[in-house]
Amino acid sequence: MHQIRSLGKSLKEALLAAQSENRLTVGVYESAKIMTDDPDSVSFCMLAVDEDFEGDIALQIHFTLIQSFCFDNDISIVRVSDKHRLAEIVTDESKQLEDAHCVLITSPAEGAWEDPSLEKLHLFCEESRRMNDWVPEISLLGR
């Protein structure tokens, strides 16, 4: 339970740090564009599911393609269990909650310090892959 809380906290910290540095991309199509145009800039990917995910075949296809791209390009990827909580963190009132199904964190500028929260998440993803959990899930806890 402690690791779950710790990972959720690290994810929130990494999101807020990336947001303050303008290194977040929110939305499936926006993320796909970044992955196509500049795949080396992508550091971390989050896929968020909600109650509509199971019935949305197009979204499932997008997720499969994004996951495959991340595996092929050695990008850490996780599922986030609460899309609404993720949206609260990464969007403002002008954006729709639906845009938060996919969120990317791009790499910091050359010479910038590595974010310790993001490093912890990368290690978690590495460890999960060693145990054949290719897209581990992280819960974002309340405020």
N, C-alpha and C. Protein backbone atom coordinates (compact mmCIF):
# COMPACT_ATOMS: atom_id res chain seq x y z
N MET A 1 0.83 -1.19 0.00
CA MET A 1 0.00 0.00 0.00
C MET A 1 0.87 1.26 0.00
N HIS A 2 1.99 1.20 0.73
CA HIS A 2 2.87 2.37 0.79
C HIS A 2 3.44 2.68 -0.59
N GLN A 3 3.83 1.62 -1.35
CA GLN A 3 4.37 1.86 -2.68
C GLN A 3 3.31 2.47 -3.59
N ILE A 4 2.06 2.04 -3.47
CA ILE A 4 0.98 2.59 -4.29
C ILE A 4 0.81 4.08 -4.02
N ARG A 5 0.79 4.47 -2.76
CA ARG A 5 0.68 5.89 -2.40
C ARG A 5 1.89 6.66 -2.90
N SER A 6 3.05 6.08 -2.73
CA SER A 6 4.29 6.73 -3.14
C SER A 6 4.33 6.94 -4.65
N LEU A 7 3.90 5.94 -5.43
CA LEU A 7 3.89 6.06 -6.88
C LEU A 7 2.87 7.10 -7.35
N GLY A 8 1.70 7.10 -6.72
CA GLY A 8 0.69 8.10 -7.06
C GLY A 8 1.18 9.50 -6.78
N LYS A 9 1.87 9.66 -5.66
CA LYS A 9 2.43 10.97 -5.31
C LYS A 9 3.54 11.36 -6.30
N SER A 10 4.39 10.41 -6.65
CA SER A 10 5.46 10.69 -7.62
C SER A 10 4.88 11.08 -8.98
N LEU A 11 3.82 10.39 -9.39
CA LEU A 11 3.20 10.71 -10.67
C LEU A 11 2.63 12.13 -10.64
N LYS A 12 1.95 12.47 -9.57
CA LYS A 12 1.40 13.83 -9.46
C LYS A 12 2.51 14.87 -9.48
N GLU A 13 3.59 14.62 -8.74
CA GLU A 13 4.72 15.56 -8.71
C GLU A 13 5.36 15.70 -10.09
N ALA A 14 5.53 14.59 -10.80
CA ALA A 14 6.11 14.64 -12.14
C ALA A 14 5.21 15.41 -13.10
N LEU A 15 3.91 15.21 -12.98
CA LEU A 15 2.96 15.94 -13.83
C LEU A 15 3.01 17.44 -13.56
N LEU A 16 3.01 17.80 -12.29
CA LEU A 16 3.03 19.22 -11.95
C LEU A 16 4.34 19.89 -12.37
N ALA A 17 5.46 19.17 -12.20
CA ALA A 17 6.75 19.73 -12.62
C ALA A 17 6.79 19.90 -14.14
N ALA A 18 6.32 18.90 -14.86
CA ALA A 18 6.32 18.99 -16.32
C ALA A 18 5.37 20.09 -16.79
N GLN A 19 4.25 20.22 -16.11
CA GLN A 19 3.29 21.26 -16.47
C GLN A 19 3.89 22.65 -16.27
N SER A 20 4.60 22.84 -15.16
CA SER A 20 5.19 24.14 -14.89
C SER A 20 6.30 24.49 -15.88
N GLU A 21 6.89 23.47 -16.50
CA GLU A 21 7.96 23.67 -17.48
C GLU A 21 7.46 23.54 -18.92
N ASN A 22 6.13 23.47 -19.07
CA ASN A 22 5.52 23.36 -20.39
C ASN A 22 6.00 22.13 -21.15
N ARG A 23 6.08 20.98 -20.44
CA ARG A 23 6.54 19.73 -21.05
C ARG A 23 5.44 18.66 -21.05
N LEU A 24 4.17 19.09 -20.98
CA LEU A 24 3.05 18.17 -21.01
C LEU A 24 2.33 18.25 -22.35
N THR A 25 1.90 17.12 -22.84
CA THR A 25 1.02 17.06 -24.00
C THR A 25 -0.20 16.27 -23.56
N VAL A 26 -1.37 16.87 -23.72
CA VAL A 26 -2.62 16.25 -23.27
C VAL A 26 -3.50 15.97 -24.49
N GLY A 27 -3.96 14.74 -24.62
CA GLY A 27 -4.86 14.36 -25.69
C GLY A 27 -4.26 13.28 -26.58
N VAL A 28 -5.12 12.39 -27.05
CA VAL A 28 -4.67 11.27 -27.89
C VAL A 28 -4.06 11.79 -29.19
N TYR A 29 -4.76 12.66 -29.87
CA TYR A 29 -4.27 13.14 -31.18
C TYR A 29 -3.03 14.01 -31.03
N GLU A 30 -3.03 14.87 -30.01
CA GLU A 30 -1.87 15.73 -29.77
C GLU A 30 -0.65 14.88 -29.44
N SER A 31 -0.85 13.83 -28.64
CA SER A 31 0.24 12.92 -28.28
C SER A 31 0.76 12.17 -29.50
N ALA A 32 -0.15 11.70 -30.33
CA ALA A 32 0.26 10.98 -31.54
C ALA A 32 1.09 11.90 -32.44
N LYS A 33 0.73 13.16 -32.51
CA LYS A 33 1.48 14.11 -33.34
C LYS A 33 2.91 14.28 -32.81
N ILE A 34 3.05 14.45 -31.49
CA ILE A 34 4.38 14.58 -30.88
C ILE A 34 5.20 13.31 -31.13
N MET A 35 4.56 12.14 -30.95
CA MET A 35 5.27 10.87 -31.15
C MET A 35 5.73 10.72 -32.59
N THR A 36 4.95 11.23 -33.53
CA THR A 36 5.31 11.14 -34.95
C THR A 36 6.40 12.16 -35.31
N ASP A 37 6.21 13.39 -34.84
CA ASP A 37 7.12 14.48 -35.21
C ASP A 37 8.46 14.44 -34.49
N ASP A 38 8.43 14.08 -33.20
CA ASP A 38 9.65 14.13 -32.39
C ASP A 38 9.65 13.03 -31.33
N PRO A 39 9.72 11.77 -31.75
CA PRO A 39 9.61 10.66 -30.79
C PRO A 39 10.71 10.66 -29.72
N ASP A 40 11.88 11.19 -30.03
CA ASP A 40 12.97 11.20 -29.06
C ASP A 40 12.71 12.16 -27.90
N SER A 41 11.76 13.06 -28.07
CA SER A 41 11.48 14.02 -27.00
C SER A 41 10.55 13.45 -25.94
N VAL A 42 9.90 12.31 -26.22
CA VAL A 42 8.92 11.75 -25.29
C VAL A 42 9.63 10.97 -24.20
N SER A 43 9.34 11.32 -22.96
CA SER A 43 9.98 10.67 -21.82
C SER A 43 9.06 9.69 -21.10
N PHE A 44 7.76 10.02 -21.03
CA PHE A 44 6.85 9.22 -20.22
C PHE A 44 5.45 9.35 -20.79
N CYS A 45 4.68 8.26 -20.78
CA CYS A 45 3.33 8.25 -21.33
C CYS A 45 2.35 7.69 -20.31
N MET A 46 1.21 8.34 -20.19
CA MET A 46 0.13 7.86 -19.33
C MET A 46 -1.13 7.66 -20.16
N LEU A 47 -1.77 6.52 -20.00
CA LEU A 47 -3.04 6.24 -20.64
C LEU A 47 -4.08 6.11 -19.54
N ALA A 48 -5.14 6.91 -19.63
CA ALA A 48 -6.16 6.92 -18.58
C ALA A 48 -7.45 6.30 -19.09
N VAL A 49 -7.98 5.39 -18.31
CA VAL A 49 -9.23 4.75 -18.68
C VAL A 49 -10.36 5.31 -17.83
N ASP A 50 -11.57 5.18 -18.36
CA ASP A 50 -12.77 5.57 -17.62
C ASP A 50 -13.87 4.56 -17.92
N GLU A 51 -15.07 4.86 -17.47
CA GLU A 51 -16.17 3.91 -17.62
C GLU A 51 -16.56 3.70 -19.09
N ASP A 52 -16.25 4.62 -19.97
CA ASP A 52 -16.60 4.50 -21.39
C ASP A 52 -15.55 3.74 -22.20
N PHE A 53 -14.40 3.45 -21.63
CA PHE A 53 -13.29 2.85 -22.39
C PHE A 53 -13.67 1.54 -23.04
N GLU A 54 -14.32 0.64 -22.31
CA GLU A 54 -14.65 -0.69 -22.84
C GLU A 54 -15.51 -0.62 -24.08
N GLY A 55 -16.38 0.37 -24.19
CA GLY A 55 -17.27 0.47 -25.34
C GLY A 55 -16.74 1.33 -26.47
N ASP A 56 -15.56 1.91 -26.31
CA ASP A 56 -15.01 2.82 -27.31
C ASP A 56 -13.89 2.11 -28.09
N ILE A 57 -14.28 1.47 -29.19
CA ILE A 57 -13.33 0.69 -29.98
C ILE A 57 -12.22 1.57 -30.55
N ALA A 58 -12.56 2.78 -31.01
CA ALA A 58 -11.55 3.68 -31.57
C ALA A 58 -10.49 4.02 -30.53
N LEU A 59 -10.93 4.31 -29.30
CA LEU A 59 -9.98 4.63 -28.23
C LEU A 59 -9.10 3.42 -27.91
N GLN A 60 -9.68 2.23 -27.90
CA GLN A 60 -8.89 1.02 -27.65
C GLN A 60 -7.82 0.83 -28.72
N ILE A 61 -8.17 1.12 -29.97
CA ILE A 61 -7.20 1.00 -31.06
C ILE A 61 -6.08 2.03 -30.88
N HIS A 62 -6.46 3.26 -30.54
CA HIS A 62 -5.45 4.30 -30.30
C HIS A 62 -4.51 3.87 -29.17
N PHE A 63 -5.07 3.33 -28.09
CA PHE A 63 -4.25 2.89 -26.96
C PHE A 63 -3.28 1.80 -27.41
N THR A 64 -3.76 0.85 -28.19
CA THR A 64 -2.90 -0.24 -28.67
C THR A 64 -1.74 0.30 -29.50
N LEU A 65 -2.04 1.26 -30.37
CA LEU A 65 -0.99 1.85 -31.21
C LEU A 65 0.00 2.65 -30.37
N ILE A 66 -0.50 3.41 -29.41
CA ILE A 66 0.38 4.21 -28.54
C ILE A 66 1.27 3.28 -27.71
N GLN A 67 0.69 2.22 -27.15
CA GLN A 67 1.47 1.26 -26.37
C GLN A 67 2.57 0.65 -27.22
N SER A 68 2.22 0.24 -28.43
CA SER A 68 3.20 -0.36 -29.33
C SER A 68 4.32 0.63 -29.64
N PHE A 69 3.97 1.87 -29.91
CA PHE A 69 4.97 2.89 -30.19
C PHE A 69 5.91 3.05 -28.99
N CYS A 70 5.33 3.10 -27.79
CA CYS A 70 6.15 3.27 -26.59
C CYS A 70 7.10 2.09 -26.40
N PHE A 71 6.60 0.86 -26.62
CA PHE A 71 7.46 -0.32 -26.48
C PHE A 71 8.60 -0.26 -27.49
N ASP A 72 8.27 0.09 -28.73
CA ASP A 72 9.28 0.13 -29.80
C ASP A 72 10.33 1.22 -29.58
N ASN A 73 9.96 2.28 -28.87
CA ASN A 73 10.86 3.42 -28.68
C ASN A 73 11.37 3.55 -27.25
N ASP A 74 11.18 2.49 -26.45
CA ASP A 74 11.68 2.44 -25.07
C ASP A 74 11.21 3.64 -24.24
N ILE A 75 9.91 3.93 -24.34
CA ILE A 75 9.28 5.00 -23.57
C ILE A 75 8.50 4.35 -22.43
N SER A 76 8.72 4.82 -21.21
CA SER A 76 7.97 4.30 -20.07
C SER A 76 6.50 4.66 -20.22
N ILE A 77 5.64 3.69 -19.93
CA ILE A 77 4.20 3.89 -20.09
C ILE A 77 3.46 3.25 -18.93
N VAL A 78 2.43 3.93 -18.44
CA VAL A 78 1.57 3.40 -17.38
C VAL A 78 0.12 3.69 -17.72
N ARG A 79 -0.74 2.92 -17.10
CA ARG A 79 -2.17 3.23 -17.11
C ARG A 79 -2.48 3.97 -15.82
N VAL A 80 -3.38 4.92 -15.92
CA VAL A 80 -3.84 5.65 -14.75
C VAL A 80 -5.30 5.28 -14.56
N SER A 81 -5.64 4.85 -13.35
CA SER A 81 -6.96 4.30 -13.10
C SER A 81 -8.06 5.35 -13.01
N ASP A 82 -7.72 6.60 -12.83
CA ASP A 82 -8.75 7.63 -12.65
C ASP A 82 -8.53 8.78 -13.62
N LYS A 83 -9.21 8.69 -14.78
CA LYS A 83 -9.05 9.72 -15.81
C LYS A 83 -9.49 11.09 -15.31
N HIS A 84 -10.54 11.13 -14.49
CA HIS A 84 -11.03 12.42 -14.01
C HIS A 84 -10.02 13.09 -13.08
N ARG A 85 -9.37 12.32 -12.25
CA ARG A 85 -8.34 12.88 -11.36
C ARG A 85 -7.14 13.36 -12.18
N LEU A 86 -6.74 12.58 -13.19
CA LEU A 86 -5.65 12.99 -14.06
C LEU A 86 -6.02 14.30 -14.77
N ALA A 87 -7.25 14.38 -15.26
CA ALA A 87 -7.70 15.59 -15.96
C ALA A 87 -7.68 16.80 -15.03
N GLU A 88 -8.05 16.61 -13.76
CA GLU A 88 -8.02 17.72 -12.80
C GLU A 88 -6.61 18.29 -12.67
N ILE A 89 -5.62 17.41 -12.72
CA ILE A 89 -4.24 17.84 -12.55
C ILE A 89 -3.70 18.52 -13.80
N VAL A 90 -4.00 17.98 -14.98
CA VAL A 90 -3.32 18.43 -16.20
C VAL A 90 -4.11 19.40 -17.08
N THR A 91 -5.39 19.61 -16.80
CA THR A 91 -6.16 20.50 -17.67
C THR A 91 -6.73 21.66 -16.87
N ASP A 92 -7.05 22.71 -17.59
CA ASP A 92 -7.77 23.82 -16.97
C ASP A 92 -9.23 23.74 -17.43
N GLU A 93 -10.05 24.68 -16.97
CA GLU A 93 -11.47 24.62 -17.26
C GLU A 93 -11.78 24.74 -18.76
N SER A 94 -10.87 25.30 -19.53
CA SER A 94 -11.14 25.50 -20.95
C SER A 94 -11.00 24.21 -21.76
N LYS A 95 -10.37 23.19 -21.19
CA LYS A 95 -10.20 21.92 -21.90
C LYS A 95 -11.24 20.92 -21.41
N GLN A 96 -11.58 20.00 -22.27
CA GLN A 96 -12.56 18.97 -21.93
C GLN A 96 -11.86 17.79 -21.26
N LEU A 97 -12.59 17.13 -20.38
CA LEU A 97 -12.04 15.96 -19.69
C LEU A 97 -11.65 14.85 -20.65
N GLU A 98 -12.35 14.72 -21.78
CA GLU A 98 -12.06 13.66 -22.73
C GLU A 98 -10.63 13.74 -23.25
N ASP A 99 -10.05 14.93 -23.25
CA ASP A 99 -8.70 15.10 -23.77
C ASP A 99 -7.64 14.41 -22.92
N ALA A 100 -7.98 14.01 -21.72
CA ALA A 100 -6.99 13.47 -20.79
C ALA A 100 -6.82 11.95 -20.87
N HIS A 101 -7.28 11.33 -21.96
CA HIS A 101 -7.07 9.89 -22.10
C HIS A 101 -5.60 9.54 -22.28
N CYS A 102 -4.83 10.44 -22.88
CA CYS A 102 -3.40 10.22 -23.08
C CYS A 102 -2.66 11.49 -22.70
N VAL A 103 -1.63 11.33 -21.87
CA VAL A 103 -0.80 12.47 -21.46
C VAL A 103 0.65 12.06 -21.62
N LEU A 104 1.42 12.93 -22.26
CA LEU A 104 2.86 12.69 -22.42
C LEU A 104 3.65 13.71 -21.63
N ILE A 105 4.77 13.27 -21.09
CA ILE A 105 5.76 14.17 -20.52
C ILE A 105 6.96 14.12 -21.46
N THR A 106 7.36 15.27 -21.95
CA THR A 106 8.53 15.31 -22.82
C THR A 106 9.77 15.55 -21.98
N SER A 107 10.90 15.26 -22.57
CA SER A 107 12.18 15.37 -21.86
C SER A 107 12.51 16.82 -21.54
N PRO A 108 13.21 17.04 -20.42
CA PRO A 108 13.65 18.40 -20.11
C PRO A 108 14.73 18.84 -21.08
N ALA A 109 14.95 20.13 -21.13
CA ALA A 109 15.98 20.69 -22.00
C ALA A 109 17.34 20.13 -21.61
N GLU A 110 18.25 20.12 -22.58
CA GLU A 110 19.61 19.66 -22.31
C GLU A 110 20.19 20.40 -21.12
N GLY A 111 20.86 19.68 -20.26
CA GLY A 111 21.50 20.30 -19.11
C GLY A 111 20.58 20.50 -17.92
N ALA A 112 19.26 20.25 -18.10
CA ALA A 112 18.33 20.41 -16.98
C ALA A 112 18.46 19.19 -16.05
N TRP A 113 18.16 19.39 -14.79
CA TRP A 113 18.21 18.30 -13.82
C TRP A 113 17.09 17.32 -14.09
N GLU A 114 17.37 16.06 -13.94
CA GLU A 114 16.34 15.04 -14.08
C GLU A 114 15.39 15.12 -12.89
N ASP A 115 14.13 15.01 -13.15
CA ASP A 115 13.09 15.06 -12.13
C ASP A 115 13.14 13.76 -11.31
N PRO A 116 13.39 13.83 -9.99
CA PRO A 116 13.48 12.60 -9.18
C PRO A 116 12.17 11.81 -9.17
N SER A 117 11.04 12.48 -9.24
CA SER A 117 9.74 11.78 -9.28
C SER A 117 9.62 10.97 -10.57
N LEU A 118 10.02 11.58 -11.67
CA LEU A 118 9.96 10.90 -12.95
C LEU A 118 10.94 9.73 -12.99
N GLU A 119 12.11 9.92 -12.41
CA GLU A 119 13.10 8.84 -12.34
C GLU A 119 12.54 7.64 -11.57
N LYS A 120 11.85 7.91 -10.47
CA LYS A 120 11.22 6.85 -9.68
C LYS A 120 10.19 6.10 -10.52
N LEU A 121 9.42 6.82 -11.33
CA LEU A 121 8.42 6.20 -12.19
C LEU A 121 9.07 5.36 -13.28
N HIS A 122 10.18 5.84 -13.85
CA HIS A 122 10.91 5.05 -14.85
C HIS A 122 11.40 3.74 -14.24
N LEU A 123 11.93 3.80 -13.04
CA LEU A 123 12.40 2.58 -12.36
C LEU A 123 11.25 1.61 -12.10
N PHE A 124 10.10 2.13 -11.69
CA PHE A 124 8.92 1.30 -11.48
C PHE A 124 8.52 0.60 -12.78
N CYS A 125 8.54 1.32 -13.90
CA CYS A 125 8.18 0.73 -15.19
C CYS A 125 9.18 -0.35 -15.59
N GLU A 126 10.46 -0.09 -15.38
CA GLU A 126 11.49 -1.10 -15.67
C GLU A 126 11.27 -2.37 -14.88
N GLU A 127 11.03 -2.20 -13.59
CA GLU A 127 10.79 -3.34 -12.71
C GLU A 127 9.54 -4.10 -13.14
N SER A 128 8.50 -3.39 -13.51
CA SER A 128 7.25 -4.02 -13.95
C SER A 128 7.47 -4.83 -15.22
N ARG A 129 8.24 -4.28 -16.17
CA ARG A 129 8.52 -5.01 -17.41
C ARG A 129 9.28 -6.30 -17.14
N ARG A 130 10.18 -6.26 -16.17
CA ARG A 130 10.92 -7.48 -15.82
C ARG A 130 9.98 -8.57 -15.31
N MET A 131 8.84 -8.16 -14.76
CA MET A 131 7.86 -9.11 -14.26
C MET A 131 6.73 -9.32 -15.27
N ASN A 132 6.99 -8.94 -16.54
CA ASN A 132 6.03 -9.08 -17.64
C ASN A 132 4.73 -8.30 -17.44
N ASP A 133 4.79 -7.24 -16.68
CA ASP A 133 3.66 -6.31 -16.55
C ASP A 133 4.03 -5.11 -17.42
N TRP A 134 3.63 -5.16 -18.69
CA TRP A 134 4.12 -4.21 -19.69
C TRP A 134 3.53 -2.82 -19.56
N VAL A 135 2.30 -2.72 -19.07
CA VAL A 135 1.67 -1.42 -18.86
C VAL A 135 1.08 -1.42 -17.45
N PRO A 136 1.93 -1.17 -16.45
CA PRO A 136 1.45 -1.21 -15.07
C PRO A 136 0.47 -0.07 -14.80
N GLU A 137 -0.33 -0.25 -13.77
CA GLU A 137 -1.33 0.76 -13.43
C GLU A 137 -0.92 1.49 -12.15
N ILE A 138 -1.15 2.79 -12.18
CA ILE A 138 -0.88 3.64 -11.01
C ILE A 138 -2.17 4.37 -10.66
N SER A 139 -2.46 4.45 -9.38
CA SER A 139 -3.64 5.19 -8.92
C SER A 139 -3.23 6.58 -8.48
N LEU A 140 -3.94 7.57 -8.96
CA LEU A 140 -3.75 8.93 -8.49
C LEU A 140 -4.67 9.14 -7.30
N LEU A 141 -4.08 9.46 -6.19
CA LEU A 141 -4.87 9.66 -4.98
C LEU A 141 -5.42 11.07 -4.95
N GLY A 142 -6.37 11.29 -4.09
CA GLY A 142 -6.99 12.61 -3.95
C GLY A 142 -5.99 13.69 -3.64
N ARG A 143 -6.47 14.88 -3.62
CA ARG A 143 -5.66 16.08 -3.46
C ARG A 143 -4.67 15.92 -2.37
